[in-house]
Amino acid sequence: MVENVNETINFYHAVLGFEKVSSVPDEEEFVWANMKAWEEALPYF
């Protein structure tokens, strides 16, 4: 688990180039998100 899903999504997108594949809910404030880059998928809760 991460402390803040929104901050984690922003970091992985801006710094590492990951894209959000899916999330709950669909709009911010996220409680869960699945990020993907380079054929790797990482879930964040």
N, C-alpha and C. Protein backbone atom coordinates (compact mmCIF):
# COMPACT_ATOMS: atom_id res chain seq x y z
N MET A 1 0.84 -1.17 0.00
CA MET A 1 0.00 0.00 0.00
C MET A 1 0.89 1.24 0.00
N VAL A 2 0.38 2.28 -0.64
CA VAL A 2 1.08 3.57 -0.62
C VAL A 2 0.31 4.54 0.25
N GLU A 3 0.98 5.57 0.71
CA GLU A 3 0.34 6.53 1.60
C GLU A 3 -0.66 7.43 0.86
N ASN A 4 -0.32 7.83 -0.37
CA ASN A 4 -1.19 8.71 -1.14
C ASN A 4 -1.23 8.25 -2.59
N VAL A 5 -2.34 7.67 -3.02
CA VAL A 5 -2.47 7.11 -4.37
C VAL A 5 -2.32 8.20 -5.43
N ASN A 6 -2.92 9.37 -5.20
CA ASN A 6 -2.85 10.46 -6.19
C ASN A 6 -1.41 10.92 -6.41
N GLU A 7 -0.65 11.13 -5.34
CA GLU A 7 0.74 11.54 -5.47
C GLU A 7 1.57 10.46 -6.15
N THR A 8 1.29 9.21 -5.84
CA THR A 8 2.02 8.10 -6.46
C THR A 8 1.76 8.05 -7.96
N ILE A 9 0.49 8.20 -8.36
CA ILE A 9 0.15 8.22 -9.78
C ILE A 9 0.87 9.36 -10.48
N ASN A 10 0.83 10.56 -9.90
CA ASN A 10 1.49 11.71 -10.50
C ASN A 10 3.00 11.50 -10.65
N PHE A 11 3.64 10.95 -9.63
CA PHE A 11 5.08 10.70 -9.70
C PHE A 11 5.41 9.68 -10.78
N TYR A 12 4.73 8.55 -10.78
CA TYR A 12 5.03 7.51 -11.76
C TYR A 12 4.75 7.98 -13.19
N HIS A 13 3.77 8.87 -13.37
CA HIS A 13 3.49 9.40 -14.70
C HIS A 13 4.54 10.43 -15.12
N ALA A 14 4.76 11.44 -14.26
CA ALA A 14 5.65 12.55 -14.61
C ALA A 14 7.12 12.15 -14.68
N VAL A 15 7.58 11.34 -13.74
CA VAL A 15 9.00 11.03 -13.64
C VAL A 15 9.37 9.77 -14.41
N LEU A 16 8.52 8.74 -14.35
CA LEU A 16 8.88 7.45 -14.93
C LEU A 16 8.15 7.11 -16.22
N GLY A 17 7.17 7.94 -16.61
CA GLY A 17 6.47 7.73 -17.88
C GLY A 17 5.38 6.68 -17.86
N PHE A 18 4.92 6.27 -16.67
CA PHE A 18 3.83 5.30 -16.59
C PHE A 18 2.51 5.96 -16.98
N GLU A 19 1.57 5.17 -17.48
CA GLU A 19 0.22 5.64 -17.80
C GLU A 19 -0.77 4.89 -16.92
N LYS A 20 -1.81 5.60 -16.49
CA LYS A 20 -2.87 4.97 -15.68
C LYS A 20 -3.74 4.12 -16.60
N VAL A 21 -3.85 2.83 -16.29
CA VAL A 21 -4.66 1.90 -17.07
C VAL A 21 -6.09 1.89 -16.57
N SER A 22 -6.25 1.85 -15.24
CA SER A 22 -7.57 1.84 -14.63
C SER A 22 -7.46 2.37 -13.22
N SER A 23 -8.61 2.78 -12.67
CA SER A 23 -8.61 3.31 -11.31
C SER A 23 -10.01 3.21 -10.72
N VAL A 24 -10.05 3.33 -9.39
CA VAL A 24 -11.31 3.40 -8.66
C VAL A 24 -11.19 4.58 -7.72
N PRO A 25 -12.08 5.56 -7.82
CA PRO A 25 -13.04 5.77 -8.89
C PRO A 25 -12.31 6.20 -10.18
N ASP A 26 -13.07 6.49 -11.23
CA ASP A 26 -12.48 6.89 -12.51
C ASP A 26 -11.80 8.26 -12.45
N GLU A 27 -12.25 9.12 -11.56
CA GLU A 27 -11.71 10.47 -11.39
C GLU A 27 -11.08 10.58 -10.00
N GLU A 28 -10.20 11.61 -9.81
CA GLU A 28 -9.57 11.81 -8.51
C GLU A 28 -10.62 12.00 -7.44
N GLU A 29 -10.42 11.70 -6.31
CA GLU A 29 -9.44 11.13 -5.42
C GLU A 29 -9.46 9.61 -5.54
N PHE A 30 -8.36 9.07 -6.02
CA PHE A 30 -8.27 7.64 -6.27
C PHE A 30 -8.03 6.86 -4.99
N VAL A 31 -8.62 5.68 -4.91
CA VAL A 31 -8.33 4.75 -3.83
C VAL A 31 -7.52 3.57 -4.35
N TRP A 32 -7.54 3.38 -5.67
CA TRP A 32 -6.81 2.28 -6.30
C TRP A 32 -6.51 2.68 -7.73
N ALA A 33 -5.33 2.30 -8.21
CA ALA A 33 -4.99 2.57 -9.60
C ALA A 33 -4.04 1.50 -10.11
N ASN A 34 -4.13 1.23 -11.40
CA ASN A 34 -3.23 0.30 -12.07
C ASN A 34 -2.46 1.11 -13.10
N MET A 35 -1.13 1.12 -12.99
CA MET A 35 -0.27 1.89 -13.88
C MET A 35 0.53 0.92 -14.75
N LYS A 36 0.88 1.38 -15.98
CA LYS A 36 1.59 0.49 -16.89
C LYS A 36 2.65 1.26 -17.68
N ALA A 37 3.81 0.62 -17.86
CA ALA A 37 4.89 1.11 -18.74
C ALA A 37 5.79 -0.06 -19.05
N TRP A 38 6.34 -0.06 -20.24
CA TRP A 38 7.29 -1.09 -20.65
C TRP A 38 6.77 -2.50 -20.42
N GLU A 39 5.50 -2.70 -20.69
CA GLU A 39 4.86 -4.01 -20.53
C GLU A 39 4.78 -4.48 -19.09
N GLU A 40 4.99 -3.58 -18.13
CA GLU A 40 4.87 -3.91 -16.72
C GLU A 40 3.66 -3.20 -16.14
N ALA A 41 2.87 -3.90 -15.35
CA ALA A 41 1.71 -3.28 -14.70
C ALA A 41 1.91 -3.32 -13.18
N LEU A 42 1.64 -2.19 -12.52
CA LEU A 42 1.80 -2.08 -11.08
C LEU A 42 0.52 -1.57 -10.43
N PRO A 43 -0.06 -2.33 -9.52
CA PRO A 43 -1.25 -1.84 -8.82
C PRO A 43 -0.87 -1.04 -7.58
N TYR A 44 -1.61 0.02 -7.31
CA TYR A 44 -1.40 0.83 -6.10
C TYR A 44 -2.70 0.91 -5.34
N PHE A 45 -2.64 0.62 -4.05
CA PHE A 45 -3.82 0.64 -3.19
C PHE A 45 -3.64 1.69 -2.12
